[in-house]
Amino acid sequence: MPAASVVLVEDAIPYARLVELILADAVPGGVEVRHHERVGTAVADLLERDADCVLLDLGLPDANGLEAVAMVINAAGGVPVIVLSGHDDDELAVAAIRAGAQDYLVKGQESPPSRFVRAIRFAIERRRAQERSEDLLRAKEDRWRTLTHLAPVGILEIDEAGRCVFANDWVTDITGRDVGALLGDGWRDVFGPEATAAFADIARDDFSLEVGFGARWAHVTGALLRDPWGGPAGWLATLVDVTEAREAREQLRDLARTDPLTGLANRRLWDERLAIELARAERHGRPLCVAAIDLDRFKPYNDTYGHQAGDELLREATAAWRGVLRGADLLSRLGGDEFAVLLPDCDLDCARAIVERLQGVTPGGEAGVGASAGLVAWRAGEDAAAVAARADAALYAAKDAGRGGISVG
């Protein structure tokens, strides 16, 4: 089997035979010459079978000059094309090269045939080298694609025009969308405006942010790709599923703001919500009340029945109180048997009615346990510390008055 295959497009039969003779010894192992007298049949041949080189005459019955070059190059798919011309014309040669030809040989200069043969051998070797490079590139791309699909991380590629050109299986798993919905401009709707803006900001080389995809969250890191001249060439981004880590952070945050015994808001959360509700009341001119509550005779109950019974009484009391509070109200345990209630959009009459209901459902009455309360209405311009201090003072006044009552401060 010949070592190389050359497509010869030449309508002059004597010249075609001369070229075949020259090529017979041009390449070690021999050359298969596929001769065509018309561009049309040569194009059909190239579309059906591969070749190592094309030798193309510029004066053919069905195509002439650069038209023939364009037709053959489009069909050759990377096969080097050498133009054979009867004109020693530098401008025509340059035009042929610009059109995609690899070389330009003038007919009648085949003797000695060394330059002619050298040009063809070089073209064949370039083609072989190109094929090897393409094979290596495909192998590298295959390895890269395999690695990106096996790696436990989402990989996304955005080109310089802002279009998604690649997304691995992990991206589709995290986002809940198939590849078809992500490619092109589809990724923008999936990732949302914040991530879209980050990918559009080529003034920085990288970015990092968390993006939500329904119930899933991902930490998205983007690295700007650059072309050989330093210009932006797109983005390569990784997506790491942080759903569980985010949930764990939220749980830790909740634990840091929650009383472990009763599940109520602790002092940290109380301070946060009090500041928020004061600002809202100030902004909208709405009423706001605060009640300070503690359990009467809780220490004797603890001493008599033990700390476990005391803890159970605290849990029962807070469960009962939650049942009579409104959805917007906040019940907080500040420590021991001391509690506070935040009552937004509630004046003193409204707040007194709620506190009386709290006192009415307080457990432990058979053991003498009850609840005393200090109640205050927020005054315009008053800060959190001042309103809390007035509520505490009102609570002490209620206890001094005999316990079990409500003192308005």
Protein backbone atom coordinates (compact mmCIF):
# COMPACT_ATOMS: atom_id res chain seq x y z
CA MET A 1 0.00 0.00 0.00
CA PRO A 2 1.48 3.42 -0.95
CA ALA A 3 2.83 5.48 1.92
CA ALA A 4 1.12 8.68 0.77
CA SER A 5 -1.91 9.75 -1.21
CA VAL A 6 -1.94 12.82 -3.49
CA VAL A 7 -4.95 14.26 -5.29
CA LEU A 8 -3.87 15.75 -8.64
CA VAL A 9 -6.35 18.14 -10.29
CA GLU A 10 -5.04 18.74 -13.82
CA ASP A 11 -6.87 18.70 -17.16
CA ALA A 12 -3.69 18.45 -19.31
CA ILE A 13 -3.13 14.68 -19.54
CA PRO A 14 0.55 14.82 -20.65
CA TYR A 15 1.43 17.11 -17.74
CA ALA A 16 -0.53 14.91 -15.34
CA ARG A 17 1.52 11.88 -16.49
CA LEU A 18 4.75 13.84 -15.99
CA VAL A 19 3.73 14.70 -12.41
CA GLU A 20 2.88 11.05 -11.73
CA LEU A 21 6.31 9.98 -12.91
CA ILE A 22 8.02 12.60 -10.75
CA LEU A 23 6.00 11.54 -7.72
CA ALA A 24 6.74 7.85 -8.19
CA ASP A 25 10.07 8.25 -6.40
CA ALA A 26 9.20 11.36 -4.38
CA VAL A 27 8.20 9.65 -1.14
CA PRO A 28 9.74 6.49 0.36
CA GLY A 29 7.10 3.81 0.14
CA GLY A 30 5.45 5.24 -2.95
CA VAL A 31 2.66 7.67 -3.68
CA GLU A 32 -0.93 6.98 -4.73
CA VAL A 33 -1.96 9.63 -7.27
CA ARG A 34 -5.71 10.21 -7.63
CA HIS A 35 -6.02 12.16 -10.87
CA HIS A 36 -9.01 14.37 -11.72
CA GLU A 37 -9.51 16.61 -14.72
CA ARG A 38 -12.21 18.72 -13.06
CA VAL A 39 -12.53 20.45 -9.70
CA GLY A 40 -16.00 18.97 -9.15
CA THR A 41 -14.84 15.37 -9.20
CA ALA A 42 -11.79 16.25 -7.06
CA VAL A 43 -14.04 17.88 -4.45
CA ALA A 44 -16.30 14.81 -4.40
CA ASP A 45 -13.22 12.60 -3.92
CA LEU A 46 -11.86 14.75 -1.07
CA LEU A 47 -15.20 14.77 0.71
CA GLU A 48 -15.26 10.97 0.58
CA ARG A 49 -11.61 10.09 1.27
CA ASP A 50 -8.69 11.72 3.02
CA ALA A 51 -5.45 12.70 1.29
CA ASP A 52 -1.98 13.87 2.25
CA CYS A 53 -1.67 16.64 -0.35
CA VAL A 54 -3.57 18.27 -3.23
CA LEU A 55 -1.85 19.50 -6.41
CA LEU A 56 -4.20 21.98 -8.09
CA ASP A 57 -4.01 23.53 -11.55
CA LEU A 58 -5.54 27.01 -11.71
CA GLY A 59 -6.94 26.69 -15.25
CA LEU A 60 -9.66 24.03 -15.21
CA PRO A 61 -12.85 23.58 -17.28
CA ASP A 62 -15.27 23.98 -14.37
CA ALA A 63 -13.38 26.46 -12.15
CA ASN A 64 -10.67 28.99 -12.74
CA GLY A 65 -8.05 30.74 -10.62
CA LEU A 66 -8.78 31.43 -6.97
CA GLU A 67 -12.29 30.03 -7.32
CA ALA A 68 -10.77 26.58 -7.73
CA VAL A 69 -8.52 27.17 -4.70
CA ALA A 70 -11.50 28.09 -2.52
CA MET A 71 -13.54 25.06 -3.63
CA VAL A 72 -10.73 22.59 -2.97
CA ILE A 73 -9.68 24.09 0.38
CA ASN A 74 -13.27 23.98 1.62
CA ALA A 75 -13.47 20.29 0.71
CA ALA A 76 -9.95 19.33 1.78
CA GLY A 77 -10.51 19.94 5.49
CA GLY A 78 -6.94 20.83 6.39
CA VAL A 79 -5.17 18.88 3.64
CA PRO A 80 -2.35 21.09 2.24
CA VAL A 81 -3.03 22.46 -1.25
CA ILE A 82 -0.16 23.26 -3.65
CA VAL A 83 -1.07 25.41 -6.64
CA LEU A 84 0.32 24.46 -10.07
CA SER A 85 0.29 27.42 -12.44
CA GLY A 86 1.60 28.20 -15.87
CA HIS A 87 2.15 31.83 -14.82
CA ASP A 88 5.24 33.00 -12.94
CA ASP A 89 3.19 35.74 -11.28
CA ASP A 90 4.14 36.92 -7.80
CA GLU A 91 0.84 38.70 -7.22
CA LEU A 92 -1.14 35.62 -8.18
CA ALA A 93 1.09 33.50 -5.96
CA VAL A 94 0.51 35.81 -2.98
CA ALA A 95 -3.25 35.81 -3.63
CA ALA A 96 -3.26 31.99 -3.74
CA ILE A 97 -1.36 31.79 -0.45
CA ARG A 98 -3.75 34.28 1.14
CA ALA A 99 -6.65 32.16 -0.10
CA GLY A 100 -5.25 29.23 1.84
CA ALA A 101 -2.81 27.46 -0.48
CA GLN A 102 0.36 26.21 1.11
CA ASP A 103 2.68 26.70 -1.87
CA TYR A 104 2.75 27.97 -5.46
CA LEU A 105 4.74 26.08 -8.11
CA VAL A 106 5.26 27.23 -11.68
CA LYS A 107 4.83 24.63 -14.43
CA GLY A 108 7.87 24.03 -16.62
CA GLN A 109 10.30 24.25 -13.71
CA GLU A 110 10.14 20.55 -12.83
CA SER A 111 13.62 19.79 -14.20
CA PRO A 112 15.54 19.16 -12.14
CA PRO A 113 12.55 18.01 -10.06
CA SER A 114 14.22 18.56 -6.67
CA ARG A 115 12.30 21.72 -5.70
CA PHE A 116 9.04 20.26 -6.98
CA VAL A 117 9.54 17.03 -5.04
CA ARG A 118 10.75 18.88 -1.95
CA ALA A 119 7.63 21.07 -1.88
CA ILE A 120 5.36 18.02 -2.10
CA ARG A 121 7.31 16.05 0.52
CA PHE A 122 7.28 19.03 2.86
CA ALA A 123 3.53 19.38 2.38
CA ILE A 124 2.99 15.70 3.14
CA GLU A 125 5.20 15.87 6.25
CA ARG A 126 3.40 19.01 7.45
CA ARG A 127 0.12 17.19 7.01
CA ARG A 128 1.41 14.20 9.00
CA ALA A 129 2.73 16.52 11.73
CA GLN A 130 -0.58 18.35 11.78
CA GLU A 131 -2.45 15.06 12.14
CA ARG A 132 -0.16 13.99 14.99
CA SER A 133 -0.71 17.34 16.72
CA GLU A 134 -4.45 17.05 16.24
CA ASP A 135 -4.39 13.50 17.62
CA LEU A 136 -2.41 14.66 20.66
CA LEU A 137 -4.74 17.61 21.15
CA ARG A 138 -7.79 15.38 20.91
CA ALA A 139 -6.22 12.97 23.40
CA LYS A 140 -5.51 15.83 25.78
CA GLU A 141 -9.04 17.15 25.35
CA ASP A 142 -10.44 13.68 25.96
CA ARG A 143 -8.38 13.35 29.15
CA TRP A 144 -9.45 16.82 30.24
CA ARG A 145 -13.11 16.08 29.59
CA THR A 146 -12.80 12.77 31.45
CA LEU A 147 -11.12 14.44 34.41
CA THR A 148 -13.69 17.25 34.54
CA HIS A 149 -16.53 14.74 34.58
CA LEU A 150 -14.85 12.57 37.23
CA ALA A 151 -13.71 15.42 39.50
CA PRO A 152 -16.17 16.05 42.37
CA VAL A 153 -16.49 19.70 41.43
CA GLY A 154 -18.51 21.60 38.84
CA ILE A 155 -16.48 23.06 35.96
CA LEU A 156 -17.92 25.75 33.72
CA GLU A 157 -16.28 27.53 30.78
CA ILE A 158 -17.51 30.90 29.51
CA ASP A 159 -16.01 32.23 26.26
CA GLU A 160 -14.96 35.83 25.51
CA ALA A 161 -18.44 36.61 24.18
CA GLY A 162 -20.04 35.59 27.48
CA ARG A 163 -21.44 32.28 26.19
CA CYS A 164 -21.21 29.00 28.08
CA VAL A 165 -19.24 26.53 25.96
CA PHE A 166 -18.76 23.72 28.50
CA ALA A 167 -20.40 22.45 31.67
CA ASN A 168 -19.59 19.11 33.25
CA ASP A 169 -22.00 16.70 34.93
CA TRP A 170 -21.42 18.21 38.38
CA VAL A 171 -22.65 21.61 37.17
CA THR A 172 -25.87 20.05 35.93
CA ASP A 173 -26.26 18.16 39.21
CA ILE A 174 -25.76 21.26 41.38
CA THR A 175 -27.89 23.60 39.27
CA GLY A 176 -30.60 21.06 38.49
CA ARG A 177 -30.45 21.98 34.77
CA ASP A 178 -29.25 19.90 31.84
CA VAL A 179 -26.37 20.99 29.64
CA GLY A 180 -28.70 22.27 26.93
CA ALA A 181 -30.20 24.78 29.34
CA LEU A 182 -26.74 26.08 30.31
CA LEU A 183 -24.94 26.35 26.96
CA GLY A 184 -24.93 29.62 25.06
CA ASP A 185 -26.67 32.36 27.04
CA GLY A 186 -28.89 29.99 29.00
CA TRP A 187 -26.52 29.92 31.99
CA ARG A 188 -27.35 33.57 32.78
CA ASP A 189 -30.91 32.77 33.86
CA VAL A 190 -29.69 29.81 35.92
CA PHE A 191 -26.88 31.65 37.75
CA GLY A 192 -28.73 34.91 38.36
CA PRO A 193 -27.73 38.59 38.09
CA GLU A 194 -24.97 38.66 40.74
CA ALA A 195 -22.96 35.84 39.15
CA THR A 196 -23.66 37.18 35.65
CA ALA A 197 -22.23 40.56 36.67
CA ALA A 198 -19.15 38.87 38.17
CA PHE A 199 -18.44 37.03 34.91
CA ALA A 200 -18.83 40.30 32.98
CA ASP A 201 -16.25 42.15 35.13
CA ILE A 202 -13.02 41.59 33.20
CA ALA A 203 -11.27 44.31 35.21
CA ARG A 204 -10.35 41.67 37.78
CA ASP A 205 -8.62 38.34 37.29
CA ASP A 206 -10.82 36.27 39.59
CA PHE A 207 -13.87 36.34 41.81
CA SER A 208 -15.57 34.20 44.43
CA LEU A 209 -19.17 34.16 45.62
CA GLU A 210 -21.94 31.84 46.81
CA VAL A 211 -24.85 31.23 44.46
CA GLY A 212 -28.15 29.57 45.30
CA PHE A 213 -29.85 27.10 42.96
CA GLY A 214 -33.14 26.37 44.67
CA ALA A 215 -32.34 24.20 47.68
CA ARG A 216 -28.68 23.81 46.62
CA TRP A 217 -25.87 26.29 47.18
CA ALA A 218 -22.47 26.42 45.48
CA HIS A 219 -19.27 28.33 46.10
CA VAL A 220 -18.41 29.68 42.63
CA THR A 221 -14.82 30.67 41.86
CA GLY A 222 -13.98 32.21 38.49
CA ALA A 223 -10.54 32.69 36.92
CA LEU A 224 -10.14 35.00 33.91
CA LEU A 225 -8.55 33.33 30.87
CA ARG A 226 -6.28 35.42 28.66
CA ASP A 227 -5.21 35.12 25.03
CA PRO A 228 -1.50 35.18 23.97
CA TRP A 229 -1.63 38.99 23.80
CA GLY A 230 -2.95 39.40 27.33
CA GLY A 231 -6.54 40.18 26.37
CA PRO A 232 -9.54 38.52 28.04
CA ALA A 233 -10.42 35.15 26.47
CA GLY A 234 -13.23 34.02 28.77
CA TRP A 235 -13.63 32.47 32.20
CA LEU A 236 -13.03 29.08 33.76
CA ALA A 237 -15.17 28.59 36.85
CA THR A 238 -15.47 25.89 39.50
CA LEU A 239 -18.58 25.12 41.54
CA VAL A 240 -18.27 23.42 44.93
CA ASP A 241 -21.47 22.25 46.60
CA VAL A 242 -21.65 24.02 49.99
CA THR A 243 -25.26 23.19 50.81
CA GLU A 244 -24.40 21.07 53.85
CA ALA A 245 -21.71 23.49 55.02
CA ARG A 246 -24.11 26.42 54.66
CA GLU A 247 -26.79 24.56 56.61
CA ALA A 248 -24.22 23.77 59.30
CA ARG A 249 -23.24 27.46 59.50
CA GLU A 250 -26.87 28.44 59.82
CA GLN A 251 -27.37 25.85 62.55
CA LEU A 252 -24.33 27.17 64.41
CA ARG A 253 -25.61 30.71 64.02
CA ASP A 254 -29.00 29.64 65.34
CA LEU A 255 -27.36 27.86 68.27
CA ALA A 256 -25.38 30.99 69.09
CA ARG A 257 -28.65 32.95 69.26
CA THR A 258 -30.85 30.36 70.96
CA ASP A 259 -31.28 29.36 74.58
CA PRO A 260 -30.37 25.63 74.75
CA LEU A 261 -32.83 24.78 77.54
CA THR A 262 -36.02 26.37 76.23
CA GLY A 263 -35.27 26.93 72.54
CA LEU A 264 -36.15 30.62 72.98
CA ALA A 265 -34.14 33.54 71.66
CA ASN A 266 -31.18 34.30 73.90
CA ARG A 267 -29.88 37.73 74.87
CA ARG A 268 -27.89 38.13 71.63
CA LEU A 269 -30.93 37.60 69.44
CA TRP A 270 -33.05 39.71 71.81
CA ASP A 271 -30.65 42.65 71.44
CA GLU A 272 -30.68 42.29 67.63
CA ARG A 273 -34.46 42.16 67.34
CA LEU A 274 -35.01 44.95 69.87
CA ALA A 275 -32.76 47.27 67.84
CA ILE A 276 -34.57 46.33 64.60
CA GLU A 277 -38.05 46.86 66.05
CA LEU A 278 -37.08 50.18 67.65
CA ALA A 279 -35.79 51.42 64.28
CA ARG A 280 -39.00 50.28 62.58
CA ALA A 281 -41.19 51.95 65.21
CA GLU A 282 -39.17 55.16 64.86
CA ARG A 283 -39.39 55.10 61.06
CA HIS A 284 -43.11 54.37 60.81
CA GLY A 285 -44.33 55.94 64.05
CA ARG A 286 -45.75 52.64 65.30
CA PRO A 287 -46.30 51.67 68.97
CA LEU A 288 -43.95 49.20 70.64
CA CYS A 289 -44.03 47.67 74.12
CA VAL A 290 -41.53 45.65 76.11
CA ALA A 291 -42.32 43.37 79.06
CA ALA A 292 -39.82 41.98 81.56
CA ILE A 293 -41.10 38.80 83.26
CA ASP A 294 -39.77 36.41 85.83
CA LEU A 295 -41.22 33.47 87.75
CA ASP A 296 -42.28 34.13 91.31
CA ARG A 297 -40.97 31.72 93.96
CA PHE A 298 -38.95 29.81 91.40
CA LYS A 299 -35.92 29.42 93.70
CA PRO A 300 -37.93 27.71 96.50
CA TYR A 301 -39.49 25.45 93.83
CA ASN A 302 -35.99 24.56 92.59
CA ASP A 303 -34.73 23.92 96.11
CA THR A 304 -37.71 21.73 96.94
CA TYR A 305 -38.07 19.65 93.76
CA GLY A 306 -34.54 19.80 92.34
CA HIS A 307 -32.94 21.43 89.34
CA GLN A 308 -34.31 18.90 86.84
CA ALA A 309 -37.85 19.72 87.94
CA GLY A 310 -36.98 23.41 87.78
CA ASP A 311 -35.71 23.02 84.23
CA GLU A 312 -38.87 21.15 83.26
CA LEU A 313 -40.99 23.94 84.74
CA LEU A 314 -39.12 26.50 82.65
CA ARG A 315 -39.74 24.47 79.49
CA GLU A 316 -43.44 24.06 80.36
CA ALA A 317 -43.82 27.78 81.07
CA THR A 318 -42.19 28.87 77.82
CA ALA A 319 -44.24 26.36 75.81
CA ALA A 320 -47.44 27.68 77.40
CA TRP A 321 -46.46 31.32 76.84
CA ARG A 322 -45.66 30.71 73.17
CA GLY A 323 -49.20 29.47 72.74
CA VAL A 324 -50.74 32.83 73.63
CA LEU A 325 -48.28 35.18 71.90
CA ARG A 326 -48.82 36.65 68.43
CA GLY A 327 -46.66 35.63 65.49
CA ALA A 328 -44.76 38.94 65.48
CA ASP A 329 -43.99 38.84 69.22
CA LEU A 330 -40.59 37.69 70.48
CA LEU A 331 -40.17 35.77 73.74
CA SER A 332 -36.59 35.61 75.00
CA ARG A 333 -34.88 33.99 77.98
CA LEU A 334 -32.27 36.38 79.34
CA GLY A 335 -31.01 34.07 82.08
CA GLY A 336 -32.31 31.92 84.95
CA ASP A 337 -36.03 32.57 85.30
CA GLU A 338 -35.81 36.03 83.70
CA PHE A 339 -37.64 36.56 80.43
CA ALA A 340 -38.46 39.44 78.12
CA VAL A 341 -41.24 39.90 75.59
CA LEU A 342 -41.05 42.21 72.60
CA LEU A 343 -44.49 43.38 71.43
CA PRO A 344 -44.34 45.34 68.13
CA ASP A 345 -47.39 47.28 66.87
CA CYS A 346 -48.90 47.02 70.35
CA ASP A 347 -49.88 49.83 72.74
CA LEU A 348 -50.12 49.50 76.53
CA ASP A 349 -53.70 48.20 76.53
CA CYS A 350 -52.81 45.57 73.94
CA ALA A 351 -49.60 44.66 75.80
CA ARG A 352 -51.34 44.38 79.20
CA ALA A 353 -53.90 41.95 77.75
CA ILE A 354 -51.12 39.76 76.33
CA VAL A 355 -49.13 39.76 79.58
CA GLU A 356 -52.25 38.85 81.55
CA ARG A 357 -52.75 35.87 79.26
CA LEU A 358 -49.13 34.86 79.90
CA GLN A 359 -49.69 35.01 83.62
CA GLY A 360 -52.87 33.01 83.26
CA VAL A 361 -51.18 30.04 81.59
CA THR A 362 -48.07 29.99 83.78
CA PRO A 363 -47.68 26.45 85.24
CA GLY A 364 -46.67 25.61 88.84
CA GLY A 365 -49.52 27.46 90.55
CA GLU A 366 -50.17 24.50 92.85
CA ALA A 367 -46.62 25.00 94.19
CA GLY A 368 -47.02 28.75 94.54
CA VAL A 369 -45.22 29.62 91.32
CA GLY A 370 -46.51 32.62 89.39
CA ALA A 371 -45.22 35.40 87.15
CA SER A 372 -44.57 39.08 87.74
CA ALA A 373 -44.16 41.54 84.90
CA GLY A 374 -42.85 45.02 84.24
CA LEU A 375 -44.41 46.65 81.20
CA VAL A 376 -43.30 49.77 79.33
CA ALA A 377 -44.21 51.52 76.09
CA TRP A 378 -41.37 52.80 73.94
CA ARG A 379 -40.97 56.57 73.85
CA ALA A 380 -39.89 58.35 70.69
CA GLY A 381 -36.11 58.82 70.63
CA GLU A 382 -35.51 56.26 73.39
CA ASP A 383 -32.72 53.78 72.75
CA ALA A 384 -32.67 50.05 73.47
CA ALA A 385 -30.76 50.32 76.75
CA ALA A 386 -33.17 52.92 78.13
CA VAL A 387 -36.36 51.04 77.30
CA ALA A 388 -34.91 47.79 78.71
CA ALA A 389 -33.85 49.55 81.91
CA ARG A 390 -37.37 50.95 82.40
CA ALA A 391 -38.88 47.49 81.89
CA ASP A 392 -36.52 46.01 84.50
CA ALA A 393 -37.37 48.81 86.98
CA ALA A 394 -41.08 48.17 86.41
CA LEU A 395 -40.56 44.44 87.09
CA TYR A 396 -38.86 45.17 90.41
CA ALA A 397 -41.76 47.45 91.30
CA ALA A 398 -44.22 44.63 90.54
CA LYS A 399 -42.33 42.24 92.81
CA ASP A 400 -42.13 44.84 95.58
CA ALA A 401 -45.90 45.26 95.31
CA GLY A 402 -46.52 41.63 96.19
CA ARG A 403 -45.65 39.53 93.14
CA GLY A 404 -47.97 38.14 90.53
CA GLY A 405 -48.90 41.57 89.21
CA ILE A 406 -48.09 43.91 86.37
CA SER A 407 -46.32 47.22 86.92
CA VAL A 408 -46.35 49.80 84.11
CA GLY A 409 -43.25 51.94 83.96
